[in-house]
């Protein structure tokens, strides 16, 4: 059941002007898509304003773009006017929409990637990052029944970060030195020692 206090449900985030615009757009699109249901749920301006205030504060932790995408996903996927809770669920896109593979596909990709891992071609940096967090040695030497749950947990945490707008990357491999040092041969060492003795008059 929704709280009577509009601010009690949000997670410490304060809504911005962009959030307000997004909520207004959400309600406008819901009104068009669910006309009769919408007017039954919000029969007058007073209730509509109260609902907008509640949703504004309860969804302030989500980026405005996710709210707009969520209402369109709800309209495509539901015959019924979504509740606040349902809309929040619709605001979580499928990994594929962000270019991320499903958790098991990501696990297989991580396990099959050759070393050095940072130089592999990853479908998304989150796959590499989940591999790092799970420990490459553990993934390579543990049965799937043990390794996959660990990888999946790490991957899902990274997925949430991506959903919240964070950009992940794969560390660039170290550049090769301009000159590659090689050990001196025995003859080269003798020659260098001879020159050093000559310079020091030994």
C-alpha atoms as a PDB file:
ATOM      1  CA  UNK A   1       0.000   0.000   0.000  1.00  0.00           C
ATOM      2  CA  UNK A   2       1.355   3.415  -0.921  1.00  0.00           C
ATOM      3  CA  UNK A   3       2.449   5.689   1.892  1.00  0.00           C
ATOM      4  CA  UNK A   4       0.429   8.787   2.778  1.00  0.00           C
ATOM      5  CA  UNK A   5       3.667  10.736   2.819  1.00  0.00           C
ATOM      6  CA  UNK A   6       4.896  11.378  -0.728  1.00  0.00           C
ATOM      7  CA  UNK A   7       8.505  11.615   0.411  1.00  0.00           C
ATOM      8  CA  UNK A   8       8.573   8.416   2.459  1.00  0.00           C
ATOM      9  CA  UNK A   9       9.050   6.117  -0.531  1.00  0.00           C
ATOM     10  CA  UNK A  10      11.943   7.796  -2.303  1.00  0.00           C
ATOM     11  CA  UNK A  11      15.522   6.786  -1.603  1.00  0.00           C
ATOM     12  CA  UNK A  12      17.049  10.073  -0.563  1.00  0.00           C
ATOM     13  CA  UNK A  13      16.938  11.583  -4.044  1.00  0.00           C
ATOM     14  CA  UNK A  14      15.402  14.988  -4.573  1.00  0.00           C
ATOM     15  CA  UNK A  15      13.331  15.431  -7.731  1.00  0.00           C
ATOM     16  CA  UNK A  16      14.594  17.924 -10.298  1.00  0.00           C
ATOM     17  CA  UNK A  17      12.792  20.017 -12.894  1.00  0.00           C
ATOM     18  CA  UNK A  18      13.596  17.240 -15.377  1.00  0.00           C
ATOM     19  CA  UNK A  19      11.873  14.716 -13.117  1.00  0.00           C
ATOM     20  CA  UNK A  20       8.805  16.960 -12.952  1.00  0.00           C
ATOM     21  CA  UNK A  21       8.699  17.202 -16.753  1.00  0.00           C
ATOM     22  CA  UNK A  22       9.097  13.432 -17.019  1.00  0.00           C
ATOM     23  CA  UNK A  23       6.252  12.759 -14.553  1.00  0.00           C
ATOM     24  CA  UNK A  24       3.976  15.151 -16.430  1.00  0.00           C
ATOM     25  CA  UNK A  25       4.828  13.298 -19.645  1.00  0.00           C
ATOM     26  CA  UNK A  26       4.221   9.926 -17.962  1.00  0.00           C
ATOM     27  CA  UNK A  27       0.729  10.950 -16.856  1.00  0.00           C
ATOM     28  CA  UNK A  28      -0.080  12.515 -20.235  1.00  0.00           C
ATOM     29  CA  UNK A  29       0.852   9.287 -22.036  1.00  0.00           C
ATOM     30  CA  UNK A  30      -1.018   7.125 -19.524  1.00  0.00           C
ATOM     31  CA  UNK A  31      -4.107   9.302 -20.019  1.00  0.00           C
ATOM     32  CA  UNK A  32      -3.970   8.818 -23.790  1.00  0.00           C
ATOM     33  CA  UNK A  33      -3.296   5.077 -23.606  1.00  0.00           C
ATOM     34  CA  UNK A  34      -5.698   4.149 -20.783  1.00  0.00           C
ATOM     35  CA  UNK A  35      -8.353   6.841 -21.167  1.00  0.00           C
ATOM     36  CA  UNK A  36     -11.282   5.241 -19.286  1.00  0.00           C
ATOM     37  CA  UNK A  37      -9.127   3.535 -16.645  1.00  0.00           C
ATOM     38  CA  UNK A  38      -7.175   6.739 -16.131  1.00  0.00           C
ATOM     39  CA  UNK A  39     -10.305   8.819 -15.467  1.00  0.00           C
ATOM     40  CA  UNK A  40     -11.608   6.207 -13.039  1.00  0.00           C
ATOM     41  CA  UNK A  41      -8.307   6.225 -11.133  1.00  0.00           C
ATOM     42  CA  UNK A  42      -7.998  10.024 -11.144  1.00  0.00           C
ATOM     43  CA  UNK A  43     -11.551  11.408 -11.371  1.00  0.00           C
ATOM     44  CA  UNK A  44     -10.642  15.010 -10.548  1.00  0.00           C
ATOM     45  CA  UNK A  45      -7.735  17.465 -10.677  1.00  0.00           C
ATOM     46  CA  UNK A  46      -7.120  17.247  -6.944  1.00  0.00           C
ATOM     47  CA  UNK A  47      -6.481  13.488  -7.017  1.00  0.00           C
ATOM     48  CA  UNK A  48      -4.382  13.798 -10.159  1.00  0.00           C
ATOM     49  CA  UNK A  49      -2.163  16.444  -8.556  1.00  0.00           C
ATOM     50  CA  UNK A  50      -1.730  14.334  -5.427  1.00  0.00           C
ATOM     51  CA  UNK A  51      -0.824  11.289  -7.529  1.00  0.00           C
ATOM     52  CA  UNK A  52       1.738  13.268  -9.514  1.00  0.00           C
ATOM     53  CA  UNK A  53       3.339  14.525  -6.310  1.00  0.00           C
ATOM     54  CA  UNK A  54       3.519  11.005  -4.906  1.00  0.00           C
ATOM     55  CA  UNK A  55       4.992   9.534  -8.080  1.00  0.00           C
ATOM     56  CA  UNK A  56       7.418  12.455  -8.447  1.00  0.00           C
ATOM     57  CA  UNK A  57       8.988  11.820  -5.048  1.00  0.00           C
ATOM     58  CA  UNK A  58       8.710   8.028  -5.123  1.00  0.00           C
ATOM     59  CA  UNK A  59      10.501   7.816  -8.486  1.00  0.00           C
ATOM     60  CA  UNK A  60      13.043  10.599  -7.932  1.00  0.00           C
ATOM     61  CA  UNK A  61      15.867   8.057  -7.637  1.00  0.00           C
ATOM     62  CA  UNK A  62      15.405   7.063 -11.296  1.00  0.00           C
ATOM     63  CA  UNK A  63      16.824   9.092 -14.189  1.00  0.00           C
ATOM     64  CA  UNK A  64      14.079  10.980 -16.097  1.00  0.00           C
ATOM     65  CA  UNK A  65      14.960   9.107 -19.293  1.00  0.00           C
ATOM     66  CA  UNK A  66      14.154   5.816 -17.562  1.00  0.00           C
ATOM     67  CA  UNK A  67      10.749   7.162 -16.524  1.00  0.00           C
ATOM     68  CA  UNK A  68       9.917   8.086 -20.112  1.00  0.00           C
ATOM     69  CA  UNK A  69      11.129   4.744 -21.399  1.00  0.00           C
ATOM     70  CA  UNK A  70       9.275   2.932 -18.615  1.00  0.00           C
ATOM     71  CA  UNK A  71       5.867   4.414 -19.416  1.00  0.00           C
ATOM     72  CA  UNK A  72       6.236   3.424 -23.078  1.00  0.00           C
ATOM     73  CA  UNK A  73       7.261  -0.084 -22.062  1.00  0.00           C
ATOM     74  CA  UNK A  74       4.208  -0.236 -19.774  1.00  0.00           C
ATOM     75  CA  UNK A  75       1.879   0.889 -22.555  1.00  0.00           C
ATOM     76  CA  UNK A  76       3.301  -1.769 -24.896  1.00  0.00           C
ATOM     77  CA  UNK A  77       3.207  -4.529 -22.314  1.00  0.00           C
ATOM     78  CA  UNK A  78       0.107  -4.029 -20.176  1.00  0.00           C
ATOM     79  CA  UNK A  79      -3.625  -3.852 -20.865  1.00  0.00           C
ATOM     80  CA  UNK A  80      -4.152  -2.138 -17.526  1.00  0.00           C
ATOM     81  CA  UNK A  81      -3.189   1.235 -16.122  1.00  0.00           C
ATOM     82  CA  UNK A  82       0.036   0.555 -14.192  1.00  0.00           C
ATOM     83  CA  UNK A  83       0.356   1.256 -10.502  1.00  0.00           C
ATOM     84  CA  UNK A  84       3.341   3.157  -9.138  1.00  0.00           C
ATOM     85  CA  UNK A  85       5.044  -0.136  -8.256  1.00  0.00           C
ATOM     86  CA  UNK A  86       4.319  -1.611 -11.686  1.00  0.00           C
ATOM     87  CA  UNK A  87       5.709   1.445 -13.448  1.00  0.00           C
ATOM     88  CA  UNK A  88       8.929   1.221 -11.433  1.00  0.00           C
ATOM     89  CA  UNK A  89       9.315  -2.355 -12.669  1.00  0.00           C
ATOM     90  CA  UNK A  90       8.704  -1.227 -16.246  1.00  0.00           C
ATOM     91  CA  UNK A  91      11.448   1.371 -15.787  1.00  0.00           C
ATOM     92  CA  UNK A  92      14.023  -1.415 -15.578  1.00  0.00           C
ATOM     93  CA  UNK A  93      14.901  -2.247 -19.176  1.00  0.00           C
ATOM     94  CA  UNK A  94      16.045  -5.655 -20.311  1.00  0.00           C
ATOM     95  CA  UNK A  95      19.835  -5.932 -20.489  1.00  0.00           C
ATOM     96  CA  UNK A  96      19.676  -6.382 -24.272  1.00  0.00           C
ATOM     97  CA  UNK A  97      18.211  -2.889 -24.634  1.00  0.00           C
ATOM     98  CA  UNK A  98      21.467  -1.515 -23.231  1.00  0.00           C
ATOM     99  CA  UNK A  99      23.697  -3.799 -25.241  1.00  0.00           C
ATOM    100  CA  UNK A 100      24.219  -6.137 -22.293  1.00  0.00           C
ATOM    101  CA  UNK A 101      23.936  -9.911 -22.669  1.00  0.00           C
ATOM    102  CA  UNK A 102      21.788 -11.947 -20.279  1.00  0.00           C
ATOM    103  CA  UNK A 103      23.602 -13.071 -17.126  1.00  0.00           C
ATOM    104  CA  UNK A 104      24.338 -16.638 -18.290  1.00  0.00           C
ATOM    105  CA  UNK A 105      25.536 -15.511 -21.724  1.00  0.00           C
ATOM    106  CA  UNK A 106      27.780 -12.981 -19.981  1.00  0.00           C
ATOM    107  CA  UNK A 107      29.138 -15.745 -17.726  1.00  0.00           C
ATOM    108  CA  UNK A 108      29.965 -17.968 -20.714  1.00  0.00           C
ATOM    109  CA  UNK A 109      31.621 -15.013 -22.475  1.00  0.00           C
ATOM    110  CA  UNK A 110      33.734 -14.289 -19.391  1.00  0.00           C
ATOM    111  CA  UNK A 111      34.789 -17.918 -18.995  1.00  0.00           C
ATOM    112  CA  UNK A 112      35.749 -18.309 -22.645  1.00  0.00           C
ATOM    113  CA  UNK A 113      37.669 -15.048 -23.005  1.00  0.00           C
ATOM    114  CA  UNK A 114      41.373 -15.617 -23.640  1.00  0.00           C
ATOM    115  CA  UNK A 115      44.092 -13.972 -21.579  1.00  0.00           C
ATOM    116  CA  UNK A 116      45.027 -11.230 -21.163  1.00  0.00           C
ATOM    117  CA  UNK A 117      41.392 -10.553 -20.332  1.00  0.00           C
ATOM    118  CA  UNK A 118      41.638  -6.776 -20.676  1.00  0.00           C
ATOM    119  CA  UNK A 119      42.566  -7.185 -24.351  1.00  0.00           C
ATOM    120  CA  UNK A 120      39.572  -9.353 -25.254  1.00  0.00           C
ATOM    121  CA  UNK A 121      36.694  -7.930 -27.278  1.00  0.00           C
ATOM    122  CA  UNK A 122      33.858  -7.696 -24.754  1.00  0.00           C
ATOM    123  CA  UNK A 123      30.205  -7.349 -25.691  1.00  0.00           C
ATOM    124  CA  UNK A 124      29.963  -4.832 -22.819  1.00  0.00           C
ATOM    125  CA  UNK A 125      32.472  -3.628 -20.193  1.00  0.00           C
ATOM    126  CA  UNK A 126      30.130  -4.912 -17.452  1.00  0.00           C
ATOM    127  CA  UNK A 127      30.981  -8.491 -18.495  1.00  0.00           C
ATOM    128  CA  UNK A 128      34.695  -7.841 -17.978  1.00  0.00           C
ATOM    129  CA  UNK A 129      34.065  -6.009 -14.710  1.00  0.00           C
ATOM    130  CA  UNK A 130      31.917  -8.868 -13.398  1.00  0.00           C
ATOM    131  CA  UNK A 131      34.726 -11.277 -14.259  1.00  0.00           C
ATOM    132  CA  UNK A 132      37.236  -9.160 -12.353  1.00  0.00           C
ATOM    133  CA  UNK A 133      34.892  -8.910  -9.346  1.00  0.00           C
ATOM    134  CA  UNK A 134      34.292 -12.672  -9.410  1.00  0.00           C
ATOM    135  CA  UNK A 135      38.023 -13.493  -9.731  1.00  0.00           C
ATOM    136  CA  UNK A 136      39.224 -15.006 -12.996  1.00  0.00           C
ATOM    137  CA  UNK A 137      40.981 -17.895 -11.242  1.00  0.00           C
ATOM    138  CA  UNK A 138      37.804 -18.767  -9.328  1.00  0.00           C
ATOM    139  CA  UNK A 139      35.735 -18.732 -12.542  1.00  0.00           C
ATOM    140  CA  UNK A 140      38.246 -20.919 -14.368  1.00  0.00           C
ATOM    141  CA  UNK A 141      38.668 -23.485 -11.593  1.00  0.00           C
ATOM    142  CA  UNK A 142      35.223 -23.784 -10.024  1.00  0.00           C
ATOM    143  CA  UNK A 143      32.215 -25.788 -11.217  1.00  0.00           C
ATOM    144  CA  UNK A 144      29.485 -23.761 -12.875  1.00  0.00           C
ATOM    145  CA  UNK A 145      27.108 -24.496  -9.984  1.00  0.00           C
ATOM    146  CA  UNK A 146      29.435 -22.499  -7.719  1.00  0.00           C
ATOM    147  CA  UNK A 147      30.897 -19.959 -10.126  1.00  0.00           C
ATOM    148  CA  UNK A 148      27.773 -18.790 -11.959  1.00  0.00           C
ATOM    149  CA  UNK A 149      25.836 -17.570  -8.859  1.00  0.00           C
ATOM    150  CA  UNK A 150      28.854 -15.476  -7.816  1.00  0.00           C
ATOM    151  CA  UNK A 151      29.276 -14.062 -11.311  1.00  0.00           C
ATOM    152  CA  UNK A 152      25.520 -13.427 -11.642  1.00  0.00           C
ATOM    153  CA  UNK A 153      25.401 -11.458  -8.383  1.00  0.00           C
ATOM    154  CA  UNK A 154      28.338  -9.275  -9.433  1.00  0.00           C
ATOM    155  CA  UNK A 155      26.949  -8.820 -12.928  1.00  0.00           C
ATOM    156  CA  UNK A 156      23.528  -7.761 -11.645  1.00  0.00           C
ATOM    157  CA  UNK A 157      25.109  -5.176  -9.337  1.00  0.00           C
ATOM    158  CA  UNK A 158      27.011  -3.772 -12.313  1.00  0.00           C
ATOM    159  CA  UNK A 159      23.846  -3.841 -14.404  1.00  0.00           C
ATOM    160  CA  UNK A 160      22.123  -1.661 -11.798  1.00  0.00           C
ATOM    161  CA  UNK A 161      24.988   0.811 -12.009  1.00  0.00           C
ATOM    162  CA  UNK A 162      24.634   0.936 -15.787  1.00  0.00           C
ATOM    163  CA  UNK A 163      20.866   1.464 -15.439  1.00  0.00           C
ATOM    164  CA  UNK A 164      21.587   4.406 -13.162  1.00  0.00           C
ATOM    165  CA  UNK A 165      23.654   6.034 -15.890  1.00  0.00           C
ATOM    166  CA  UNK A 166      27.169   5.017 -14.882  1.00  0.00           C
ATOM    167  CA  UNK A 167      29.555   4.381 -17.755  1.00  0.00           C
ATOM    168  CA  UNK A 168      31.879   1.427 -17.308  1.00  0.00           C
ATOM    169  CA  UNK A 169      35.066   0.792 -19.223  1.00  0.00           C
ATOM    170  CA  UNK A 170      37.718  -1.852 -19.697  1.00  0.00           C
ATOM    171  CA  UNK A 171      41.210  -0.726 -18.617  1.00  0.00           C
ATOM    172  CA  UNK A 172      43.479  -0.115 -21.567  1.00  0.00           C
ATOM    173  CA  UNK A 173      46.353  -2.589 -21.844  1.00  0.00           C
ATOM    174  CA  UNK A 174      49.742  -1.171 -20.899  1.00  0.00           C
ATOM    175  CA  UNK A 175      51.638   0.242 -23.855  1.00  0.00           C
ATOM    176  CA  UNK A 176      54.845  -1.485 -24.847  1.00  0.00           C
ATOM    177  CA  UNK A 177      58.011   0.454 -23.960  1.00  0.00           C
ATOM    178  CA  UNK A 178      59.669   2.337 -26.801  1.00  0.00           C
ATOM    179  CA  UNK A 179      62.702   0.096 -26.397  1.00  0.00           C
ATOM    180  CA  UNK A 180      62.433  -3.511 -25.286  1.00  0.00           C
ATOM    181  CA  UNK A 181      65.305  -4.357 -22.976  1.00  0.00           C
ATOM    182  CA  UNK A 182      66.984  -7.711 -23.520  1.00  0.00           C
ATOM    183  CA  UNK A 183      69.708  -9.330 -21.444  1.00  0.00           C
ATOM    184  CA  UNK A 184      73.247  -8.670 -22.672  1.00  0.00           C
ATOM    185  CA  UNK A 185      75.144 -11.583 -24.101  1.00  0.00           C
ATOM    186  CA  UNK A 186      78.352 -12.786 -22.453  1.00  0.00           C
ATOM    187  CA  UNK A 187      80.478 -11.093 -25.114  1.00  0.00           C
ATOM    188  CA  UNK A 188      78.543  -7.817 -24.751  1.00  0.00           C
ATOM    189  CA  UNK A 189      79.011  -7.891 -20.980  1.00  0.00           C
ATOM    190  CA  UNK A 190      82.766  -8.442 -21.397  1.00  0.00           C
ATOM    191  CA  UNK A 191      82.999  -5.580 -23.900  1.00  0.00           C
ATOM    192  CA  UNK A 192      81.044  -3.221 -21.610  1.00  0.00           C
ATOM    193  CA  UNK A 193      83.269  -4.145 -18.657  1.00  0.00           C
ATOM    194  CA  UNK A 194      86.375  -3.488 -20.777  1.00  0.00           C
ATOM    195  CA  UNK A 195      85.148  -0.008 -21.702  1.00  0.00           C
ATOM    196  CA  UNK A 196      84.278   0.755 -18.101  1.00  0.00           C
ATOM    197  CA  UNK A 197      87.793  -0.218 -16.976  1.00  0.00           C
ATOM    198  CA  UNK A 198      89.336   1.967 -19.668  1.00  0.00           C
ATOM    199  CA  UNK A 199      87.215   4.933 -18.577  1.00  0.00           C
ATOM    200  CA  UNK A 200      88.226   4.418 -14.931  1.00  0.00           C
ATOM    201  CA  UNK A 201      91.898   3.671 -15.767  1.00  0.00           C
ATOM    202  CA  UNK A 202      91.721   0.354 -13.945  1.00  0.00           C
END
